[in-house]
Amino acid sequence: MIKIIKFVFLLILLSQAPIAFAQNNTHSPYSARGIGEIDQFSSAYNRSLGSVFNGIRSTRFISYSNPASIAALKQVVFDFGFHAEKGQSSTTTADRTFNNGNFSYIVLGFPVWRKEILLDTFKNKNLIKKTNLIKTYKTIWSSAIGLTPFSSIGTSYFKSVDTTYGTITNFYSKTGGLSRLFLMNGVNVSKNISLGLNASYVFGQVRNDQVFFIQDTGVSRALYDQSIYQLRGFKFDLGIQTQHKDTFSYKRLEIRRDTVKDVNGIKKIKIDSIRRIIRVPLKFVFGGTINNSARLNYDLSRLALNKSNYYSIGSSDTVIHQTDQRGKTYLPTGFSAGFSFTYNNRWMLAFDYSSTLWAKQKLPLFNDLYTNASQLSVGLAYKPDMDLENMSKKTGDRYKSNIEYRLGFRQNNTGYNFKDNAGIISPLKEYGISFGIGIPKLRRDPYTRLILKSMINLTGEYIHRGTTKNGMIEEDLIRLTIGVSLGDIWFTKRKFN
């Protein structure tokens, strides 16, 4: 409990600087719409699989976007990650490169309520011998608390036009973003069904700066207009997962060669053929989420100044001065569904589809145009999560040197509309290709004798969005995410004191 209190205190300290998390996460001109570029809300593990999440169910990983998945946790998981990216924005006439890097997520997940499993209910007799001095549990209720970016904004531009009044230059900048502090709970309501609730506190700042310069007779007159929005509100997401385990059986012909001696002591080779039944474990996981429409309250501070000479300490007139003007906006409703199929505890294939109803958003914060957002994700993994509890020590040692391999693809419509030079309004679309590796570290708990797994997850993504057609901007990003997932067991009890 002391460790959990310390972690919550760390999150409170981190949440005092949400703008620092958001400002360096993007330099995309497309982040100017709405509340900015929406974060995927996934770990390095999920991102390497194309950001699939509904079918991910593991005793050692946290899939944030579906809260029902954490009901599978059997151990304490401390998960954190960082990312860095290099990108290029291009038009038909110019290119610009940029670099970003920042904090991605920090999460602590742990079982809250566990039920003791009696020894006579075990099917694995070897596990009984290993744990006969320690109480053994199955998880009923798990929780996770964490902090992640929710959206990021970082864009600026300027343009100049020659008029009869002089050269008019417009500079525009929009920065900031939102963060998400969340508490997630998952409950196993039956052997194969779990439900989850994620309660998030979304907060942050959006800052708009505009300057209009009029240059005449060597003097630069200017109109300076700054608006700062402080946003906050609660958001709730519901999740469900169901799993089904089965086996696939087939017969395999095996040839056995043995050396035997006949009655005269002469060695002969005896050949026998045996048809052995091979049973391969299969696992299916289906999941879905519903994201409610969340209200965000905001305080607006606005200052507009008319300066006679912007580059010198000259007179200025205050045109607008507003403080703490209050209002509200809404995040739209969304839903998702997906599944995963695991073959022989080694191969996993997962699909996800999600949609966010931006077109039906109530009271948009800015005068932007929206369509409904959607995303399709596909992920493939080799050795997604082996059953380490039932592995022999020899097998466990052999697995130490192995690496998990993952591949993913996602294609999405962001829901933000942009107008090109031909007057055509269309939504921004993007796609991403990802790959990743997981480097495990195994150790045995000295009390439970269970094998604990920690892992370093390395994920690389290539992301493409936009087009150069009709004066639009095309972006290409290379993003590297490094995540660390540490596993441990707390609150173990001996059967005899």
Protein backbone atom coordinates (compact mmCIF):
# COMPACT_ATOMS: atom_id res chain seq x y z
CA MET A 1 0.00 0.00 0.00
CA ILE A 2 2.91 2.37 0.73
CA LYS A 3 4.22 1.80 -2.80
CA ILE A 4 0.85 2.69 -4.30
CA ILE A 5 0.64 5.90 -2.23
CA LYS A 6 4.11 6.91 -3.41
CA PHE A 7 3.11 6.29 -7.02
CA VAL A 8 -0.06 8.38 -6.67
CA PHE A 9 2.01 11.20 -5.19
CA LEU A 10 4.37 10.99 -8.19
CA LEU A 11 1.40 11.25 -10.58
CA ILE A 12 0.13 14.34 -8.75
CA LEU A 13 3.53 15.98 -9.16
CA LEU A 14 3.65 15.07 -12.87
CA SER A 15 0.13 16.35 -13.45
CA GLN A 16 1.19 19.84 -12.35
CA ALA A 17 3.07 20.22 -15.65
CA PRO A 18 0.65 18.96 -18.34
CA ILE A 19 1.60 21.64 -20.85
CA ALA A 20 5.22 20.54 -20.80
CA PHE A 21 4.09 17.07 -21.85
CA ALA A 22 1.97 18.34 -24.74
CA GLN A 23 3.98 21.16 -26.27
CA ASN A 24 6.85 19.03 -27.59
CA ASN A 25 4.70 16.16 -28.86
CA THR A 26 3.93 17.63 -32.29
CA HIS A 27 4.88 20.28 -34.81
CA SER A 28 2.21 19.27 -37.29
CA PRO A 29 0.20 22.06 -38.98
CA TYR A 30 -2.77 19.69 -38.87
CA SER A 31 -2.80 19.92 -35.05
CA ALA A 32 -4.42 23.38 -35.40
CA ARG A 33 -7.89 21.82 -35.56
CA GLY A 34 -10.02 21.38 -32.46
CA ILE A 35 -8.14 20.22 -29.37
CA GLY A 36 -5.19 19.09 -31.49
CA GLU A 37 -3.67 15.80 -32.52
CA ILE A 38 -5.36 13.03 -30.50
CA ASP A 39 -3.02 10.59 -28.75
CA GLN A 40 -3.47 6.87 -29.46
CA PHE A 41 -3.77 6.09 -25.70
CA SER A 42 -1.69 2.95 -25.98
CA SER A 43 1.63 1.60 -24.77
CA ALA A 44 4.70 0.69 -26.82
CA TYR A 45 3.39 -2.89 -26.84
CA ASN A 46 0.04 -1.91 -28.43
CA ARG A 47 1.60 0.59 -30.85
CA SER A 48 3.84 -2.10 -32.30
CA LEU A 49 0.65 -4.02 -33.15
CA GLY A 50 -0.99 -1.14 -35.00
CA SER A 51 -2.60 0.12 -31.74
CA VAL A 52 -4.98 -2.85 -31.42
CA PHE A 53 -6.34 -3.20 -27.89
CA ASN A 54 -9.76 -4.87 -27.62
CA GLY A 55 -8.42 -8.40 -28.05
CA ILE A 56 -5.30 -7.93 -25.93
CA ARG A 57 -5.64 -9.77 -22.64
CA SER A 58 -2.55 -10.63 -20.65
CA THR A 59 -1.57 -11.34 -17.06
CA ARG A 60 1.48 -9.08 -17.51
CA PHE A 61 0.54 -6.21 -19.86
CA ILE A 62 -1.94 -3.36 -19.54
CA SER A 63 -4.08 -2.51 -22.57
CA TYR A 64 -5.24 0.98 -21.59
CA SER A 65 -8.01 1.60 -24.14
CA ASN A 66 -10.17 -1.31 -22.94
CA PRO A 67 -10.44 -1.21 -19.11
CA ALA A 68 -11.84 -4.76 -18.96
CA SER A 69 -8.46 -6.16 -20.01
CA ILE A 70 -6.74 -5.34 -16.71
CA ALA A 71 -8.97 -7.87 -14.91
CA ALA A 72 -6.50 -10.50 -16.18
CA LEU A 73 -3.57 -9.10 -14.16
CA LYS A 74 -1.98 -11.60 -11.79
CA GLN A 75 0.94 -9.45 -10.73
CA VAL A 76 1.80 -5.81 -10.16
CA VAL A 77 2.84 -4.03 -13.39
CA PHE A 78 4.68 -0.72 -13.54
CA ASP A 79 4.67 0.57 -17.11
CA PHE A 80 6.24 3.75 -18.49
CA GLY A 81 7.49 4.97 -21.84
CA PHE A 82 8.97 7.78 -23.92
CA HIS A 83 8.99 8.57 -27.61
CA ALA A 84 11.05 10.51 -30.14
CA GLU A 85 10.20 11.29 -33.74
CA LYS A 86 11.61 12.92 -36.83
CA GLY A 87 9.22 14.31 -39.43
CA GLN A 88 8.97 16.24 -42.63
CA SER A 89 6.17 18.51 -43.84
CA SER A 90 6.08 19.02 -47.61
CA THR A 91 4.24 21.09 -50.19
CA THR A 92 4.82 21.23 -53.94
CA THR A 93 7.32 24.06 -53.42
CA ALA A 94 8.96 23.61 -49.98
CA ASP A 95 9.93 21.13 -47.27
CA ARG A 96 10.41 21.49 -43.53
CA THR A 97 11.88 18.97 -41.11
CA PHE A 98 11.25 18.83 -37.36
CA ASN A 99 12.05 16.72 -34.30
CA ASN A 100 9.88 15.90 -31.29
CA GLY A 101 10.35 13.88 -28.15
CA ASN A 102 8.58 13.58 -24.83
CA PHE A 103 6.97 11.50 -22.12
CA SER A 104 4.37 8.99 -23.39
CA TYR A 105 2.79 7.27 -20.39
CA ILE A 106 3.30 6.14 -16.81
CA VAL A 107 0.93 3.52 -15.34
CA LEU A 108 0.76 1.28 -12.29
CA GLY A 109 -1.59 -1.75 -12.43
CA PHE A 110 -2.23 -4.17 -9.56
CA PRO A 111 -4.74 -6.79 -8.35
CA VAL A 112 -7.10 -5.39 -5.71
CA TRP A 113 -9.22 -8.40 -4.76
CA ARG A 114 -8.03 -11.95 -5.13
CA LYS A 115 -9.70 -15.22 -4.18
CA GLU A 116 -7.72 -18.11 -2.81
CA ILE A 117 -7.57 -21.25 -4.94
CA LEU A 118 -7.75 -24.48 -2.95
CA LEU A 119 -5.04 -27.02 -3.77
CA ASP A 120 -7.49 -29.78 -4.67
CA THR A 121 -8.83 -27.65 -7.52
CA PHE A 122 -5.46 -27.55 -9.32
CA LYS A 123 -5.12 -29.65 -12.45
CA ASN A 124 -1.36 -29.12 -12.64
CA LYS A 125 0.23 -31.26 -9.90
CA ASN A 126 3.66 -29.70 -10.45
CA LEU A 127 2.22 -26.30 -9.56
CA ILE A 128 0.88 -27.75 -6.30
CA LYS A 129 4.38 -28.82 -5.26
CA LYS A 130 5.79 -25.35 -6.00
CA THR A 131 3.13 -23.43 -4.11
CA ASN A 132 2.14 -25.72 -1.26
CA LEU A 133 3.56 -23.30 1.33
CA ILE A 134 2.06 -20.17 -0.25
CA LYS A 135 -1.54 -19.18 -0.65
CA THR A 136 -2.46 -19.16 -4.34
CA TYR A 137 -5.06 -16.76 -5.75
CA LYS A 138 -7.10 -15.96 -8.81
CA THR A 139 -7.81 -12.32 -9.60
CA ILE A 140 -11.34 -10.97 -9.18
CA TRP A 141 -10.71 -7.21 -9.38
CA SER A 142 -7.74 -5.22 -10.66
CA SER A 143 -7.01 -1.50 -10.91
CA ALA A 144 -4.60 0.77 -12.73
CA ILE A 145 -3.75 4.43 -12.28
CA GLY A 146 -1.73 6.47 -14.73
CA LEU A 147 -1.00 9.66 -16.64
CA THR A 148 -0.78 10.08 -20.43
CA PRO A 149 -1.10 12.90 -22.97
CA PHE A 150 -4.62 13.22 -24.41
CA SER A 151 -3.89 15.62 -27.30
CA SER A 152 -1.05 17.81 -28.56
CA ILE A 153 -0.95 21.12 -30.41
CA GLY A 154 2.09 22.77 -31.97
CA THR A 155 1.64 24.78 -35.18
CA SER A 156 2.52 28.24 -36.51
CA TYR A 157 2.63 30.06 -39.84
CA PHE A 158 2.89 33.54 -41.34
CA LYS A 159 2.06 35.16 -44.67
CA SER A 160 2.62 38.61 -46.19
CA VAL A 161 0.45 40.54 -48.68
CA ASP A 162 1.34 43.84 -50.40
CA THR A 163 -1.51 46.37 -50.34
CA THR A 164 -1.94 50.10 -50.98
CA TYR A 165 -1.70 50.59 -47.21
CA GLY A 166 1.67 48.80 -47.05
CA THR A 167 2.82 45.24 -46.44
CA ILE A 168 0.44 43.33 -44.18
CA THR A 169 1.93 40.30 -42.41
CA ASN A 170 -0.12 37.84 -40.38
CA PHE A 171 1.58 35.57 -37.82
CA TYR A 172 -0.47 32.76 -36.23
CA SER A 173 0.52 30.30 -33.51
CA LYS A 174 -1.43 27.63 -31.64
CA THR A 175 0.21 25.56 -28.89
CA GLY A 176 -0.66 23.46 -25.86
CA GLY A 177 -2.65 20.28 -25.46
CA LEU A 178 -4.54 18.14 -22.96
CA SER A 179 -3.44 15.44 -20.52
CA ARG A 180 -5.31 12.48 -19.06
CA LEU A 181 -5.10 11.33 -15.43
CA PHE A 182 -7.03 8.08 -15.18
CA LEU A 183 -8.18 5.40 -12.76
CA MET A 184 -9.11 2.12 -14.41
CA ASN A 185 -10.93 -0.86 -12.84
CA GLY A 186 -11.61 -4.32 -14.28
CA VAL A 187 -13.70 -7.10 -12.73
CA ASN A 188 -14.01 -10.77 -13.73
CA VAL A 189 -17.77 -11.34 -13.46
CA SER A 190 -17.39 -14.95 -14.58
CA LYS A 191 -14.68 -17.33 -15.74
CA ASN A 192 -14.66 -15.95 -19.30
CA ILE A 193 -16.27 -12.49 -19.05
CA SER A 194 -14.83 -9.29 -17.59
CA LEU A 195 -16.13 -5.73 -17.37
CA GLY A 196 -14.19 -2.50 -16.93
CA LEU A 197 -14.63 1.20 -16.21
CA ASN A 198 -12.08 3.92 -16.91
CA ALA A 199 -12.59 7.28 -15.17
CA SER A 200 -10.36 10.00 -16.63
CA TYR A 201 -9.73 13.58 -15.62
CA VAL A 202 -8.85 15.50 -18.81
CA PHE A 203 -7.16 18.86 -18.36
CA GLY A 204 -4.80 21.24 -20.12
CA GLN A 205 -4.37 24.48 -22.01
CA VAL A 206 -4.86 25.75 -25.57
CA ARG A 207 -3.16 29.02 -26.51
CA ASN A 208 -3.82 31.05 -29.67
CA ASP A 209 -1.57 33.96 -30.67
CA GLN A 210 -2.20 36.21 -33.69
CA VAL A 211 -0.26 39.29 -34.75
CA PHE A 212 -1.14 41.55 -37.72
CA PHE A 213 1.70 43.82 -38.88
CA ILE A 214 1.22 46.81 -41.19
CA GLN A 215 4.54 48.17 -42.41
CA ASP A 216 4.45 51.73 -43.75
CA THR A 217 7.02 54.54 -43.75
CA GLY A 218 9.45 52.35 -41.80
CA VAL A 219 7.06 51.85 -38.88
CA SER A 220 5.48 48.52 -38.05
CA ARG A 221 2.03 48.96 -36.62
CA ALA A 222 0.57 45.84 -35.05
CA LEU A 223 -2.56 44.28 -33.63
CA TYR A 224 -1.72 41.61 -31.07
CA ASP A 225 -4.47 39.14 -30.08
CA GLN A 226 -3.90 36.34 -27.52
CA SER A 227 -6.47 33.80 -26.25
CA ILE A 228 -5.76 31.19 -23.58
CA TYR A 229 -8.23 28.39 -22.82
CA GLN A 230 -7.87 26.38 -19.58
CA LEU A 231 -9.89 23.17 -19.98
CA ARG A 232 -10.91 20.45 -17.55
CA GLY A 233 -13.52 17.73 -17.26
CA PHE A 234 -14.24 14.08 -16.55
CA LYS A 235 -14.53 11.31 -19.12
CA PHE A 236 -15.81 7.74 -18.62
CA ASP A 237 -15.21 4.68 -20.79
CA LEU A 238 -16.84 1.26 -20.45
CA GLY A 239 -15.26 -1.98 -21.67
CA ILE A 240 -16.09 -5.65 -21.97
CA GLN A 241 -13.99 -8.70 -22.84
CA THR A 242 -14.81 -12.34 -23.27
CA GLN A 243 -12.40 -15.17 -23.91
CA HIS A 244 -12.70 -18.76 -25.05
CA LYS A 245 -9.99 -21.41 -24.88
CA ASP A 246 -9.97 -24.52 -27.03
CA THR A 247 -7.59 -27.08 -28.50
CA PHE A 248 -6.85 -28.23 -32.01
CA SER A 249 -5.90 -31.91 -32.28
CA TYR A 250 -4.20 -33.77 -35.09
CA LYS A 251 -2.31 -37.03 -35.53
CA ARG A 252 1.38 -37.04 -36.36
CA LEU A 253 3.25 -40.10 -37.59
CA GLU A 254 6.55 -40.65 -35.79
CA ILE A 255 9.22 -43.18 -36.75
CA ARG A 256 11.20 -44.70 -33.89
CA ARG A 257 14.48 -46.55 -34.42
CA ASP A 258 15.75 -48.77 -31.59
CA THR A 259 18.77 -51.07 -31.42
CA VAL A 260 17.91 -54.52 -29.99
CA LYS A 261 19.70 -57.85 -29.59
CA ASP A 262 18.25 -61.14 -30.78
CA VAL A 263 18.63 -64.50 -29.00
CA ASN A 264 22.09 -64.94 -30.51
CA GLY A 265 23.26 -61.52 -29.23
CA ILE A 266 23.32 -59.96 -32.70
CA LYS A 267 22.36 -56.28 -32.77
CA LYS A 268 19.52 -55.31 -35.05
CA ILE A 269 17.67 -52.09 -35.76
CA LYS A 270 13.98 -52.21 -34.96
CA ILE A 271 11.74 -49.65 -36.68
CA ASP A 272 8.30 -48.80 -35.26
CA SER A 273 5.78 -46.23 -36.42
CA ILE A 274 3.57 -44.47 -33.89
CA ARG A 275 0.68 -42.12 -34.52
CA ARG A 276 0.80 -39.56 -31.76
CA ILE A 277 -2.07 -37.15 -31.03
CA ILE A 278 -0.83 -33.55 -30.90
CA ARG A 279 -3.01 -31.01 -29.07
CA VAL A 280 -2.44 -27.33 -29.83
CA PRO A 281 -3.98 -24.71 -27.47
CA LEU A 282 -6.13 -21.98 -29.05
CA LYS A 283 -7.44 -18.79 -27.48
CA PHE A 284 -10.04 -16.32 -28.74
CA VAL A 285 -10.58 -12.94 -27.08
CA PHE A 286 -13.39 -10.56 -28.10
CA GLY A 287 -13.75 -7.04 -26.72
CA GLY A 288 -15.59 -3.76 -27.09
CA THR A 289 -15.72 -0.27 -25.58
CA ILE A 290 -18.14 2.64 -25.35
CA ASN A 291 -16.76 6.16 -24.80
CA ASN A 292 -19.30 8.62 -23.45
CA SER A 293 -19.73 12.22 -24.54
CA ALA A 294 -17.72 14.17 -21.99
CA ARG A 295 -18.20 17.81 -21.04
CA LEU A 296 -15.12 20.02 -20.74
CA ASN A 297 -15.43 23.30 -18.88
CA TYR A 298 -13.04 26.09 -19.78
CA ASP A 299 -11.88 29.51 -18.61
CA LEU A 300 -10.96 31.95 -21.37
CA SER A 301 -8.51 34.82 -20.96
CA ARG A 302 -8.14 37.17 -23.94
CA LEU A 303 -5.95 40.20 -24.51
CA ALA A 304 -5.90 42.32 -27.68
CA LEU A 305 -3.49 45.26 -28.05
CA ASN A 306 -3.13 47.87 -30.78
CA LYS A 307 0.49 49.04 -30.87
CA SER A 308 1.73 52.04 -32.81
CA ASN A 309 5.23 50.52 -33.19
CA TYR A 310 5.62 46.84 -32.39
CA TYR A 311 9.44 46.91 -32.31
CA SER A 312 9.84 49.74 -29.84
CA ILE A 313 8.51 50.75 -26.46
CA GLY A 314 5.69 52.82 -27.81
CA SER A 315 2.13 53.51 -26.87
CA SER A 316 -0.45 50.74 -27.02
CA ASP A 317 -4.19 50.68 -26.74
CA THR A 318 -6.01 47.82 -25.05
CA VAL A 319 -8.78 46.75 -27.43
CA ILE A 320 -9.99 43.65 -25.52
CA HIS A 321 -9.16 42.49 -22.01
CA GLN A 322 -11.17 39.51 -20.75
CA THR A 323 -10.32 37.32 -17.77
CA ASP A 324 -11.94 34.12 -16.61
CA GLN A 325 -14.72 34.07 -19.17
CA ARG A 326 -16.32 30.67 -18.68
CA GLY A 327 -17.87 28.23 -21.11
CA LYS A 328 -18.13 24.55 -22.00
CA THR A 329 -17.45 22.23 -24.88
CA TYR A 330 -17.82 18.48 -25.40
CA LEU A 331 -15.79 15.47 -26.42
CA PRO A 332 -17.82 13.24 -28.78
CA THR A 333 -19.18 9.75 -28.21
CA GLY A 334 -17.17 6.81 -29.55
CA PHE A 335 -17.13 3.03 -29.71
CA SER A 336 -14.78 0.22 -30.70
CA ALA A 337 -14.76 -3.55 -31.18
CA GLY A 338 -12.10 -6.13 -31.93
CA PHE A 339 -10.75 -9.61 -31.32
CA SER A 340 -7.54 -11.62 -31.18
CA PHE A 341 -6.71 -15.22 -32.01
CA THR A 342 -3.73 -16.94 -30.37
CA TYR A 343 -2.34 -20.19 -31.74
CA ASN A 344 -0.17 -22.50 -29.64
CA ASN A 345 0.69 -19.68 -27.19
CA ARG A 346 3.11 -18.34 -29.81
CA TRP A 347 1.25 -16.67 -32.67
CA MET A 348 -1.35 -13.94 -32.21
CA LEU A 349 -3.45 -12.16 -34.84
CA ALA A 350 -5.61 -9.19 -33.76
CA PHE A 351 -8.10 -6.81 -35.43
CA ASP A 352 -9.71 -3.60 -34.16
CA TYR A 353 -12.21 -1.08 -35.47
CA SER A 354 -13.09 2.16 -33.69
CA SER A 355 -15.17 5.23 -34.47
CA THR A 356 -15.58 8.66 -32.84
CA LEU A 357 -18.68 10.70 -33.72
CA TRP A 358 -17.06 14.11 -34.21
CA ALA A 359 -19.77 15.15 -36.70
CA LYS A 360 -22.32 15.06 -33.86
CA GLN A 361 -20.17 16.95 -31.39
CA LYS A 362 -22.12 19.43 -29.25
CA LEU A 363 -20.82 22.98 -28.81
CA PRO A 364 -17.43 22.71 -30.56
CA LEU A 365 -14.78 24.87 -28.95
CA PHE A 366 -13.54 26.42 -32.20
CA ASN A 367 -15.28 27.11 -35.50
CA ASP A 368 -13.91 23.97 -37.15
CA LEU A 369 -15.58 21.43 -39.41
CA TYR A 370 -15.70 17.78 -38.39
CA THR A 371 -16.65 14.38 -39.78
CA ASN A 372 -16.87 11.09 -37.90
CA ALA A 373 -13.43 9.63 -37.20
CA SER A 374 -12.66 5.94 -37.72
CA GLN A 375 -9.66 3.63 -37.43
CA LEU A 376 -8.92 0.08 -38.55
CA SER A 377 -5.96 -1.70 -36.93
CA VAL A 378 -4.31 -5.06 -37.57
CA GLY A 379 -1.55 -6.66 -35.50
CA LEU A 380 0.53 -9.83 -35.74
CA ALA A 381 2.80 -11.11 -32.96
CA TYR A 382 5.10 -14.09 -32.48
CA LYS A 383 5.27 -15.34 -28.89
CA PRO A 384 2.72 -12.82 -27.57
CA ASP A 385 2.57 -14.22 -24.01
CA MET A 386 3.60 -17.75 -23.09
CA ASP A 387 2.26 -19.56 -20.02
CA LEU A 388 5.33 -19.07 -17.86
CA GLU A 389 3.82 -20.48 -14.63
CA ASN A 390 3.72 -23.99 -16.09
CA MET A 391 7.15 -23.89 -17.73
CA SER A 392 9.97 -26.01 -16.41
CA LYS A 393 13.15 -24.32 -15.24
CA LYS A 394 14.98 -25.65 -18.29
CA THR A 395 12.35 -24.25 -20.66
CA GLY A 396 12.30 -20.96 -18.79
CA ASP A 397 16.06 -20.57 -19.17
CA ARG A 398 15.80 -21.27 -22.87
CA TYR A 399 13.11 -18.61 -23.23
CA LYS A 400 15.31 -15.95 -21.60
CA SER A 401 17.29 -15.47 -24.80
CA ASN A 402 14.18 -15.24 -27.01
CA ILE A 403 12.67 -12.00 -28.29
CA GLU A 404 9.03 -11.27 -29.11
CA TYR A 405 8.39 -9.94 -32.62
CA ARG A 406 5.42 -7.75 -33.57
CA LEU A 407 4.05 -6.12 -36.71
CA GLY A 408 1.09 -3.77 -37.15
CA PHE A 409 -0.84 -1.56 -39.55
CA ARG A 410 -3.48 1.09 -38.98
CA GLN A 411 -5.48 3.36 -41.25
CA ASN A 412 -7.67 6.12 -39.91
CA ASN A 413 -9.76 9.13 -40.76
CA THR A 414 -8.97 11.75 -38.10
CA GLY A 415 -12.37 13.46 -38.33
CA TYR A 416 -10.79 16.92 -38.90
CA ASN A 417 -11.80 18.64 -42.16
CA PHE A 418 -9.50 20.92 -44.18
CA LYS A 419 -10.19 23.10 -47.20
CA ASP A 420 -7.69 23.06 -50.10
CA ASN A 421 -6.94 25.75 -52.70
CA ALA A 422 -9.60 24.34 -55.03
CA GLY A 423 -12.28 24.90 -52.38
CA ILE A 424 -12.72 21.18 -51.70
CA ILE A 425 -13.31 20.24 -48.05
CA SER A 426 -12.13 16.77 -47.09
CA PRO A 427 -11.13 14.95 -43.86
CA LEU A 428 -7.48 14.36 -43.00
CA LYS A 429 -6.50 10.73 -43.46
CA GLU A 430 -3.41 8.90 -42.32
CA TYR A 431 -1.94 5.43 -42.14
CA GLY A 432 0.82 3.91 -40.07
CA ILE A 433 3.06 0.86 -40.31
CA SER A 434 4.68 -0.36 -37.11
CA PHE A 435 7.03 -3.04 -35.93
CA GLY A 436 8.44 -3.87 -32.54
CA ILE A 437 10.44 -6.23 -30.41
CA GLY A 438 10.07 -7.20 -26.78
CA ILE A 439 13.19 -8.09 -24.79
CA PRO A 440 12.12 -10.10 -21.74
CA LYS A 441 13.78 -10.49 -18.37
CA LEU A 442 12.64 -13.49 -16.34
CA ARG A 443 13.13 -14.24 -12.67
CA ARG A 444 11.55 -16.53 -10.09
CA ASP A 445 9.77 -15.12 -7.08
CA PRO A 446 11.53 -16.62 -4.00
CA TYR A 447 8.22 -17.24 -2.20
CA THR A 448 5.67 -18.25 -4.82
CA ARG A 449 8.25 -19.86 -7.16
CA LEU A 450 6.33 -18.32 -10.05
CA ILE A 451 8.26 -16.91 -12.99
CA LEU A 452 7.92 -13.11 -13.20
CA LYS A 453 8.40 -11.33 -16.50
CA SER A 454 9.58 -7.79 -17.10
CA MET A 455 10.11 -6.47 -20.60
CA ILE A 456 11.66 -3.67 -22.62
CA ASN A 457 9.45 -2.86 -25.63
CA LEU A 458 10.96 -1.09 -28.63
CA THR A 459 8.53 0.14 -31.29
CA GLY A 460 9.20 1.88 -34.59
CA GLU A 461 6.41 3.53 -36.62
CA TYR A 462 6.18 5.10 -40.04
CA ILE A 463 3.20 7.48 -40.29
CA HIS A 464 1.96 9.23 -43.42
CA ARG A 465 -0.81 11.83 -43.49
CA GLY A 466 -2.17 14.42 -45.91
CA THR A 467 -1.37 15.16 -49.55
CA THR A 468 0.31 17.90 -51.61
CA LYS A 469 -2.63 18.12 -54.01
CA ASN A 470 -4.25 21.56 -54.42
CA GLY A 471 -1.83 23.32 -52.09
CA MET A 472 -2.22 20.95 -49.13
CA ILE A 473 0.55 19.66 -46.85
CA GLU A 474 1.93 16.13 -46.75
CA GLU A 475 3.62 14.73 -43.66
CA ASP A 476 5.92 11.76 -43.09
CA LEU A 477 6.94 10.74 -39.57
CA ILE A 478 9.37 8.20 -38.15
CA ARG A 479 8.57 7.58 -34.48
CA LEU A 480 10.45 5.48 -31.93
CA THR A 481 8.75 4.52 -28.66
CA ILE A 482 10.64 2.92 -25.77
CA GLY A 483 8.53 1.30 -23.08
CA VAL A 484 9.53 -0.51 -19.91
CA SER A 485 7.15 -2.93 -18.20
CA LEU A 486 8.23 -4.16 -14.76
CA GLY A 487 6.46 -7.07 -13.08
CA ASP A 488 6.36 -7.99 -9.41
CA ILE A 489 4.18 -9.72 -6.80
CA TRP A 490 3.01 -7.91 -3.66
CA PHE A 491 1.11 -9.02 -0.56
CA THR A 492 1.97 -12.75 -0.68
CA LYS A 493 0.97 -14.74 2.41
CA ARG A 494 2.31 -17.98 3.80
CA LYS A 495 -0.24 -20.70 4.51
CA PHE A 496 1.26 -21.40 7.93
CA ASN A 497 2.58 -18.81 10.39
